C-alpha atoms as a PDB file:
ATOM      1  CA  UNK A   1      25.450  76.277-105.264  1.00  0.00           C
ATOM      2  CA  UNK A   2      28.943  76.968-104.663  1.00  0.00           C
ATOM      3  CA  UNK A   3      30.684  76.434-107.395  1.00  0.00           C
ATOM      4  CA  UNK A   4      35.239  76.917-107.546  1.00  0.00           C
ATOM      5  CA  UNK A   5      36.111  77.459-111.680  1.00  0.00           C
ATOM      6  CA  UNK A   6      40.390  76.776-111.858  1.00  0.00           C
ATOM      7  CA  UNK A   7      42.063  78.673-114.981  1.00  0.00           C
ATOM      8  CA  UNK A   8      46.101  78.376-116.456  1.00  0.00           C
ATOM      9  CA  UNK A   9      47.251  75.184-116.531  1.00  0.00           C
ATOM     10  CA  UNK A  10      49.412  74.071-118.977  1.00  0.00           C
ATOM     11  CA  UNK A  11      53.043  73.086-120.491  1.00  0.00           C
ATOM     12  CA  UNK A  12      55.455  75.376-119.152  1.00  0.00           C
ATOM     13  CA  UNK A  13      59.489  74.482-119.822  1.00  0.00           C
ATOM     14  CA  UNK A  14      61.926  73.347-117.087  1.00  0.00           C
ATOM     15  CA  UNK A  15      62.174  77.399-115.284  1.00  0.00           C
ATOM     16  CA  UNK A  16      58.762  79.151-116.771  1.00  0.00           C
ATOM     17  CA  UNK A  17      56.163  80.350-114.717  1.00  0.00           C
ATOM     18  CA  UNK A  18      51.963  80.100-114.517  1.00  0.00           C
ATOM     19  CA  UNK A  19      49.565  82.207-112.827  1.00  0.00           C
ATOM     20  CA  UNK A  20      46.441  79.551-111.526  1.00  0.00           C
ATOM     21  CA  UNK A  21      43.766  81.569-111.132  1.00  0.00           C
ATOM     22  CA  UNK A  22      41.055  80.313-108.890  1.00  0.00           C
ATOM     23  CA  UNK A  23      37.234  82.101-109.295  1.00  0.00           C
ATOM     24  CA  UNK A  24      34.851  80.965-106.865  1.00  0.00           C
ATOM     25  CA  UNK A  25      31.178  81.815-107.254  1.00  0.00           C
ATOM     26  CA  UNK A  26      27.631  80.326-105.766  1.00  0.00           C
ATOM     27  CA  UNK A  27      25.761  81.762-102.572  1.00  0.00           C
ATOM     28  CA  UNK A  28      29.153  82.298-100.134  1.00  0.00           C
ATOM     29  CA  UNK A  29      28.611  83.856 -96.999  1.00  0.00           C
ATOM     30  CA  UNK A  30      32.075  83.539 -95.778  1.00  0.00           C
ATOM     31  CA  UNK A  31      35.769  82.265 -97.255  1.00  0.00           C
ATOM     32  CA  UNK A  32      37.570  81.240 -94.214  1.00  0.00           C
ATOM     33  CA  UNK A  33      40.551  79.757 -96.221  1.00  0.00           C
ATOM     34  CA  UNK A  34      40.940  78.740-100.127  1.00  0.00           C
ATOM     35  CA  UNK A  35      43.689  77.276-101.453  1.00  0.00           C
ATOM     36  CA  UNK A  36      45.799  74.883-104.037  1.00  0.00           C
ATOM     37  CA  UNK A  37      46.385  71.402-103.373  1.00  0.00           C
ATOM     38  CA  UNK A  38      47.789  68.793-106.265  1.00  0.00           C
ATOM     39  CA  UNK A  39      48.183  65.656-107.192  1.00  0.00           C
ATOM     40  CA  UNK A  40      51.057  64.190-109.233  1.00  0.00           C
ATOM     41  CA  UNK A  41      50.744  61.540-111.390  1.00  0.00           C
ATOM     42  CA  UNK A  42      50.379  58.229-109.222  1.00  0.00           C
ATOM     43  CA  UNK A  43      50.491  59.982-106.428  1.00  0.00           C
ATOM     44  CA  UNK A  44      48.426  60.871-102.844  1.00  0.00           C
ATOM     45  CA  UNK A  45      46.491  65.146-103.798  1.00  0.00           C
ATOM     46  CA  UNK A  46      48.969  66.799-101.391  1.00  0.00           C
ATOM     47  CA  UNK A  47      49.030  70.716-100.573  1.00  0.00           C
ATOM     48  CA  UNK A  48      50.226  73.575-101.557  1.00  0.00           C
ATOM     49  CA  UNK A  49      49.182  76.188-100.636  1.00  0.00           C
ATOM     50  CA  UNK A  50      46.754  78.717 -98.516  1.00  0.00           C
ATOM     51  CA  UNK A  51      45.622  81.486 -97.530  1.00  0.00           C
ATOM     52  CA  UNK A  52      42.417  82.544 -94.731  1.00  0.00           C
ATOM     53  CA  UNK A  53      40.707  85.500 -94.326  1.00  0.00           C
ATOM     54  CA  UNK A  54      43.174  87.156 -92.584  1.00  0.00           C
ATOM     55  CA  UNK A  55      46.129  87.192 -95.386  1.00  0.00           C
ATOM     56  CA  UNK A  56      48.152  84.397 -93.309  1.00  0.00           C
ATOM     57  CA  UNK A  57      49.587  82.257 -95.201  1.00  0.00           C
ATOM     58  CA  UNK A  58      50.956  78.521 -96.268  1.00  0.00           C
ATOM     59  CA  UNK A  59      53.340  76.525 -97.592  1.00  0.00           C
ATOM     60  CA  UNK A  60      54.298  73.162 -98.199  1.00  0.00           C
ATOM     61  CA  UNK A  61      57.695  72.438 -97.735  1.00  0.00           C
ATOM     62  CA  UNK A  62      58.267  71.756-101.252  1.00  0.00           C
ATOM     63  CA  UNK A  63      57.539  75.108-103.013  1.00  0.00           C
ATOM     64  CA  UNK A  64      58.447  77.497-100.413  1.00  0.00           C
ATOM     65  CA  UNK A  65      60.331  80.408-102.151  1.00  0.00           C
ATOM     66  CA  UNK A  66      59.435  79.870-105.978  1.00  0.00           C
ATOM     67  CA  UNK A  67      55.650  79.894-104.715  1.00  0.00           C
ATOM     68  CA  UNK A  68      53.329  82.905-104.571  1.00  0.00           C
ATOM     69  CA  UNK A  69      50.425  82.830-102.877  1.00  0.00           C
ATOM     70  CA  UNK A  70      47.017  85.806-103.094  1.00  0.00           C
ATOM     71  CA  UNK A  71      43.478  86.810-103.151  1.00  0.00           C
ATOM     72  CA  UNK A  72      42.101  89.984-103.863  1.00  0.00           C
ATOM     73  CA  UNK A  73      40.377  92.033-101.912  1.00  0.00           C
ATOM     74  CA  UNK A  74      36.565  90.211-102.182  1.00  0.00           C
ATOM     75  CA  UNK A  75      38.097  86.900-101.550  1.00  0.00           C
ATOM     76  CA  UNK A  76      36.793  85.626-103.860  1.00  0.00           C
ATOM     77  CA  UNK A  77      39.544  84.757-106.193  1.00  0.00           C
ATOM     78  CA  UNK A  78      42.176  83.305-105.214  1.00  0.00           C
ATOM     79  CA  UNK A  79      45.946  82.449-107.811  1.00  0.00           C
ATOM     80  CA  UNK A  80      49.180  81.011-107.593  1.00  0.00           C
ATOM     81  CA  UNK A  81      52.118  82.445-108.508  1.00  0.00           C
ATOM     82  CA  UNK A  82      53.908  79.373-109.713  1.00  0.00           C
ATOM     83  CA  UNK A  83      57.812  80.775-111.174  1.00  0.00           C
ATOM     84  CA  UNK A  84      60.598  78.759-111.370  1.00  0.00           C
ATOM     85  CA  UNK A  85      58.895  75.144-112.292  1.00  0.00           C
ATOM     86  CA  UNK A  86      60.600  71.608-111.789  1.00  0.00           C
ATOM     87  CA  UNK A  87      59.393  68.672-113.777  1.00  0.00           C
ATOM     88  CA  UNK A  88      57.459  67.297-109.924  1.00  0.00           C
ATOM     89  CA  UNK A  89      55.638  69.836-110.280  1.00  0.00           C
ATOM     90  CA  UNK A  90      53.791  68.218-112.626  1.00  0.00           C
ATOM     91  CA  UNK A  91      49.916  67.972-110.890  1.00  0.00           C
ATOM     92  CA  UNK A  92      46.296  68.296-111.517  1.00  0.00           C
ATOM     93  CA  UNK A  93      45.737  70.464-108.709  1.00  0.00           C
ATOM     94  CA  UNK A  94      42.688  71.700-107.375  1.00  0.00           C
ATOM     95  CA  UNK A  95      41.167  74.770-105.562  1.00  0.00           C
ATOM     96  CA  UNK A  96      39.824  73.954-102.405  1.00  0.00           C
ATOM     97  CA  UNK A  97      37.473  76.833-100.180  1.00  0.00           C
ATOM     98  CA  UNK A  98      36.396  76.390 -96.898  1.00  0.00           C
ATOM     99  CA  UNK A  99      33.661  78.928 -96.538  1.00  0.00           C
ATOM    100  CA  UNK A 100      30.156  78.828 -94.919  1.00  0.00           C
ATOM    101  CA  UNK A 101      27.473  79.623 -97.274  1.00  0.00           C
ATOM    102  CA  UNK A 102      24.325  81.053 -95.880  1.00  0.00           C
ATOM    103  CA  UNK A 103      24.640  82.885 -91.654  1.00  0.00           C
ATOM    104  CA  UNK A 104      23.837  80.229 -89.415  1.00  0.00           C
ATOM    105  CA  UNK A 105      24.867  77.271 -91.477  1.00  0.00           C
ATOM    106  CA  UNK A 106      28.010  75.296 -90.300  1.00  0.00           C
ATOM    107  CA  UNK A 107      31.276  75.465 -92.626  1.00  0.00           C
ATOM    108  CA  UNK A 108      31.654  73.654 -95.411  1.00  0.00           C
ATOM    109  CA  UNK A 109      34.642  73.105 -98.113  1.00  0.00           C
ATOM    110  CA  UNK A 110      34.018  72.747-101.674  1.00  0.00           C
ATOM    111  CA  UNK A 111      36.775  71.151-104.273  1.00  0.00           C
ATOM    112  CA  UNK A 112      37.460  73.430-108.014  1.00  0.00           C
ATOM    113  CA  UNK A 113      37.077  70.256-111.028  1.00  0.00           C
ATOM    114  CA  UNK A 114      41.133  70.539-111.711  1.00  0.00           C
ATOM    115  CA  UNK A 115      43.804  71.459-113.691  1.00  0.00           C
ATOM    116  CA  UNK A 116      46.588  70.231-114.921  1.00  0.00           C
ATOM    117  CA  UNK A 117      50.442  72.024-115.139  1.00  0.00           C
ATOM    118  CA  UNK A 118      53.091  69.899-116.786  1.00  0.00           C
ATOM    119  CA  UNK A 119      56.738  70.935-117.508  1.00  0.00           C
ATOM    120  CA  UNK A 120      58.410  69.409-119.213  1.00  0.00           C
ATOM    121  CA  UNK A 121      61.208  70.368-122.643  1.00  0.00           C
END
């Protein structure tokens, strides 16, 4: 029943900025981590960044210093602020959440449908 809905993708010029949002909804007891993955055309999906329930973050080397992941205090929405975008950032970006829907259940992994980011002149 858990759903992840991404928004904010689109076409942006090199050097520009975009802000992606991911909202988790449904029955959620506890969220352990939320993050962003991306899949460039013709390439494998890769981790971009994730944030833990305690606020700890981790970034791929390719986006350090340019991207920032954050969350609202309720921990049900995560954002990815992308600055100084490059053509190689072009990809479908997927939201991911590792969470427990109900107390007593095992933690599960959930994925959004993805949002396309295109960096081009």
